Amino acid sequence: MLLEYVQAALRHARYEILAEDGSYYGEIPEFNGVYANAETLEDCRDQLREVLDGWVLFRVHKNLPVPAIDGIDLAICEVA
């Protein structure tokens, strides 16, 4: 489920070429603070995925909510 969640989130990514230096900037608007900047689009995508992975894991570790994306909800379930 986590892999599907990350893939769904990455489908929401938006990329642009920065006029100042020609580098690529990417972000996922639904995920505050998840963004990347790199020299190539491929590197930007890779970095964005790494940032997203860390963001999701941190929030799950801290028991913080993560947004549902494309109908996928990573709600934290208590284990008895």
N, C-alpha and C. Protein backbone atom coordinates (compact mmCIF):
# COMPACT_ATOMS: atom_id res chain seq x y z
N MET A 1 0.82 -1.19 0.00
CA MET A 1 0.00 0.00 0.00
C MET A 1 0.87 1.26 0.00
N LEU A 2 1.99 1.23 0.73
CA LEU A 2 2.85 2.41 0.77
C LEU A 2 3.40 2.75 -0.60
N LEU A 3 3.81 1.75 -1.35
CA LEU A 3 4.33 1.99 -2.70
C LEU A 3 3.25 2.61 -3.59
N GLU A 4 2.03 2.10 -3.51
CA GLU A 4 0.94 2.66 -4.30
C GLU A 4 0.65 4.11 -3.90
N TYR A 5 0.74 4.39 -2.61
CA TYR A 5 0.51 5.74 -2.11
C TYR A 5 1.56 6.71 -2.68
N VAL A 6 2.81 6.32 -2.61
CA VAL A 6 3.90 7.17 -3.11
C VAL A 6 3.76 7.37 -4.62
N GLN A 7 3.45 6.32 -5.35
CA GLN A 7 3.27 6.45 -6.79
C GLN A 7 2.11 7.38 -7.12
N ALA A 8 1.02 7.27 -6.38
CA ALA A 8 -0.13 8.15 -6.60
C ALA A 8 0.26 9.60 -6.32
N ALA A 9 0.98 9.82 -5.25
CA ALA A 9 1.41 11.18 -4.90
C ALA A 9 2.32 11.76 -5.99
N LEU A 10 3.22 10.95 -6.50
CA LEU A 10 4.13 11.43 -7.54
C LEU A 10 3.40 11.78 -8.84
N ARG A 11 2.26 11.17 -9.07
CA ARG A 11 1.47 11.54 -10.25
C ARG A 11 0.91 12.96 -10.13
N HIS A 12 0.88 13.49 -8.94
CA HIS A 12 0.40 14.86 -8.71
C HIS A 12 1.53 15.89 -8.78
N ALA A 13 2.75 15.43 -8.99
CA ALA A 13 3.91 16.33 -9.01
C ALA A 13 3.81 17.31 -10.18
N ARG A 14 4.31 18.50 -9.93
CA ARG A 14 4.39 19.53 -10.97
C ARG A 14 5.85 19.96 -11.08
N TYR A 15 6.28 20.12 -12.32
CA TYR A 15 7.67 20.47 -12.59
C TYR A 15 7.73 21.73 -13.43
N GLU A 16 8.79 22.48 -13.23
CA GLU A 16 9.03 23.65 -14.08
C GLU A 16 10.53 23.86 -14.23
N ILE A 17 10.89 24.52 -15.30
CA ILE A 17 12.29 24.90 -15.52
C ILE A 17 12.45 26.32 -14.99
N LEU A 18 13.42 26.49 -14.11
CA LEU A 18 13.66 27.82 -13.54
C LEU A 18 14.44 28.68 -14.51
N ALA A 19 13.94 29.87 -14.75
CA ALA A 19 14.55 30.79 -15.72
C ALA A 19 15.93 31.25 -15.28
N GLU A 20 16.14 31.35 -13.98
CA GLU A 20 17.42 31.88 -13.47
C GLU A 20 18.62 31.03 -13.88
N ASP A 21 18.47 29.71 -13.78
CA ASP A 21 19.62 28.85 -14.05
C ASP A 21 19.31 27.63 -14.92
N GLY A 22 18.07 27.49 -15.37
CA GLY A 22 17.70 26.37 -16.22
C GLY A 22 17.55 25.05 -15.50
N SER A 23 17.60 25.08 -14.16
CA SER A 23 17.43 23.84 -13.41
C SER A 23 15.94 23.51 -13.31
N TYR A 24 15.65 22.31 -12.84
CA TYR A 24 14.27 21.85 -12.71
C TYR A 24 13.83 21.93 -11.26
N TYR A 25 12.60 22.39 -11.08
CA TYR A 25 11.99 22.47 -9.76
C TYR A 25 10.74 21.61 -9.80
N GLY A 26 10.56 20.79 -8.78
CA GLY A 26 9.37 19.94 -8.70
C GLY A 26 8.76 20.00 -7.32
N GLU A 27 7.45 19.90 -7.27
CA GLU A 27 6.75 19.89 -5.99
C GLU A 27 5.48 19.07 -6.12
N ILE A 28 4.96 18.66 -4.97
CA ILE A 28 3.67 17.98 -4.92
C ILE A 28 2.80 18.87 -4.04
N PRO A 29 1.88 19.61 -4.65
CA PRO A 29 1.12 20.64 -3.92
C PRO A 29 0.39 20.15 -2.67
N GLU A 30 -0.09 18.91 -2.68
CA GLU A 30 -0.84 18.40 -1.53
C GLU A 30 0.04 18.09 -0.32
N PHE A 31 1.36 18.12 -0.51
CA PHE A 31 2.30 17.75 0.54
C PHE A 31 3.20 18.95 0.87
N ASN A 32 2.83 19.67 1.91
CA ASN A 32 3.54 20.87 2.30
C ASN A 32 5.01 20.58 2.60
N GLY A 33 5.90 21.26 1.90
CA GLY A 33 7.33 21.10 2.13
C GLY A 33 7.99 20.03 1.28
N VAL A 34 7.24 19.36 0.42
CA VAL A 34 7.82 18.32 -0.44
C VAL A 34 8.14 18.95 -1.79
N TYR A 35 9.43 19.24 -1.99
CA TYR A 35 9.88 19.84 -3.24
C TYR A 35 11.33 19.46 -3.48
N ALA A 36 11.79 19.65 -4.71
CA ALA A 36 13.16 19.31 -5.09
C ALA A 36 13.61 20.24 -6.20
N ASN A 37 14.92 20.34 -6.35
CA ASN A 37 15.53 21.15 -7.39
C ASN A 37 16.78 20.43 -7.87
N ALA A 38 16.92 20.26 -9.19
CA ALA A 38 18.08 19.54 -9.73
C ALA A 38 18.37 20.02 -11.14
N GLU A 39 19.53 19.61 -11.64
CA GLU A 39 19.98 20.03 -12.97
C GLU A 39 19.18 19.38 -14.10
N THR A 40 18.71 18.14 -13.88
CA THR A 40 17.94 17.46 -14.92
C THR A 40 16.56 17.07 -14.38
N LEU A 41 15.63 16.85 -15.27
CA LEU A 41 14.29 16.45 -14.86
C LEU A 41 14.33 15.10 -14.15
N GLU A 42 15.11 14.17 -14.66
CA GLU A 42 15.21 12.85 -14.04
C GLU A 42 15.75 12.95 -12.62
N ASP A 43 16.80 13.76 -12.43
CA ASP A 43 17.35 13.95 -11.08
C ASP A 43 16.34 14.62 -10.16
N CYS A 44 15.58 15.56 -10.70
CA CYS A 44 14.57 16.25 -9.92
C CYS A 44 13.49 15.25 -9.48
N ARG A 45 13.07 14.38 -10.37
CA ARG A 45 12.08 13.36 -10.02
C ARG A 45 12.61 12.43 -8.94
N ASP A 46 13.86 12.00 -9.09
CA ASP A 46 14.47 11.11 -8.09
C ASP A 46 14.54 11.79 -6.72
N GLN A 47 14.97 13.04 -6.71
CA GLN A 47 15.07 13.77 -5.44
C GLN A 47 13.70 13.99 -4.83
N LEU A 48 12.71 14.28 -5.66
CA LEU A 48 11.36 14.51 -5.16
C LEU A 48 10.82 13.24 -4.50
N ARG A 49 11.09 12.11 -5.10
CA ARG A 49 10.65 10.84 -4.51
C ARG A 49 11.33 10.60 -3.16
N GLU A 50 12.62 10.88 -3.08
CA GLU A 50 13.34 10.72 -1.81
C GLU A 50 12.77 11.63 -0.73
N VAL A 51 12.48 12.87 -1.09
CA VAL A 51 11.90 13.82 -0.14
C VAL A 51 10.52 13.32 0.31
N LEU A 52 9.72 12.88 -0.64
CA LEU A 52 8.39 12.37 -0.31
C LEU A 52 8.49 11.15 0.61
N ASP A 53 9.37 10.22 0.29
CA ASP A 53 9.55 9.03 1.14
C ASP A 53 9.87 9.43 2.57
N GLY A 54 10.83 10.33 2.73
CA GLY A 54 11.22 10.78 4.06
C GLY A 54 10.10 11.51 4.78
N TRP A 55 9.36 12.33 4.03
CA TRP A 55 8.26 13.10 4.60
C TRP A 55 7.19 12.16 5.15
N VAL A 56 6.81 11.16 4.35
CA VAL A 56 5.78 10.21 4.76
C VAL A 56 6.26 9.40 5.97
N LEU A 57 7.47 8.88 5.92
CA LEU A 57 7.99 8.07 7.02
C LEU A 57 8.08 8.87 8.31
N PHE A 58 8.52 10.12 8.23
CA PHE A 58 8.60 10.98 9.41
C PHE A 58 7.23 11.17 10.02
N ARG A 59 6.25 11.49 9.19
CA ARG A 59 4.90 11.75 9.70
C ARG A 59 4.27 10.49 10.30
N VAL A 60 4.49 9.35 9.67
CA VAL A 60 3.98 8.10 10.23
C VAL A 60 4.67 7.82 11.56
N HIS A 61 5.98 7.99 11.63
CA HIS A 61 6.74 7.77 12.86
C HIS A 61 6.24 8.66 14.00
N LYS A 62 5.90 9.89 13.68
CA LYS A 62 5.43 10.84 14.69
C LYS A 62 3.92 10.78 14.89
N ASN A 63 3.26 9.83 14.24
CA ASN A 63 1.81 9.66 14.33
C ASN A 63 1.06 10.92 13.89
N LEU A 64 1.58 11.56 12.85
CA LEU A 64 0.96 12.75 12.27
C LEU A 64 0.15 12.34 11.05
N PRO A 65 -0.91 13.06 10.75
CA PRO A 65 -1.72 12.67 9.60
C PRO A 65 -0.99 12.91 8.27
N VAL A 66 -1.32 12.09 7.30
CA VAL A 66 -0.86 12.30 5.92
C VAL A 66 -2.11 12.41 5.07
N PRO A 67 -2.08 13.21 4.02
CA PRO A 67 -3.29 13.38 3.21
C PRO A 67 -3.64 12.12 2.42
N ALA A 68 -4.92 11.89 2.27
CA ALA A 68 -5.37 10.83 1.36
C ALA A 68 -5.09 11.32 -0.05
N ILE A 69 -4.67 10.41 -0.91
CA ILE A 69 -4.35 10.80 -2.29
C ILE A 69 -4.94 9.75 -3.23
N ASP A 70 -5.72 10.20 -4.18
CA ASP A 70 -6.38 9.31 -5.14
C ASP A 70 -7.11 8.16 -4.46
N GLY A 71 -7.77 8.45 -3.35
CA GLY A 71 -8.53 7.44 -2.64
C GLY A 71 -7.73 6.53 -1.74
N ILE A 72 -6.42 6.75 -1.66
CA ILE A 72 -5.56 5.94 -0.80
C ILE A 72 -5.33 6.72 0.49
N ASP A 73 -5.66 6.10 1.61
CA ASP A 73 -5.52 6.74 2.91
C ASP A 73 -4.58 5.92 3.76
N LEU A 74 -3.53 6.54 4.26
CA LEU A 74 -2.57 5.85 5.12
C LEU A 74 -2.89 6.10 6.59
N ALA A 75 -4.09 5.87 6.99
CA ALA A 75 -4.48 6.09 8.38
C ALA A 75 -3.69 5.15 9.27
N ILE A 76 -3.26 5.67 10.40
CA ILE A 76 -2.49 4.89 11.37
C ILE A 76 -3.47 4.02 12.18
N CYS A 77 -3.22 2.73 12.21
CA CYS A 77 -4.07 1.80 12.96
C CYS A 77 -3.33 1.38 14.23
N GLU A 78 -4.03 1.43 15.34
CA GLU A 78 -3.46 1.01 16.61
C GLU A 78 -3.40 -0.52 16.64
N VAL A 79 -2.29 -1.05 17.13
CA VAL A 79 -2.13 -2.50 17.27
C VAL A 79 -2.35 -2.84 18.73
N ALA A 80 -3.21 -3.80 18.97
CA ALA A 80 -3.54 -4.19 20.36
C ALA A 80 -2.48 -5.07 20.95
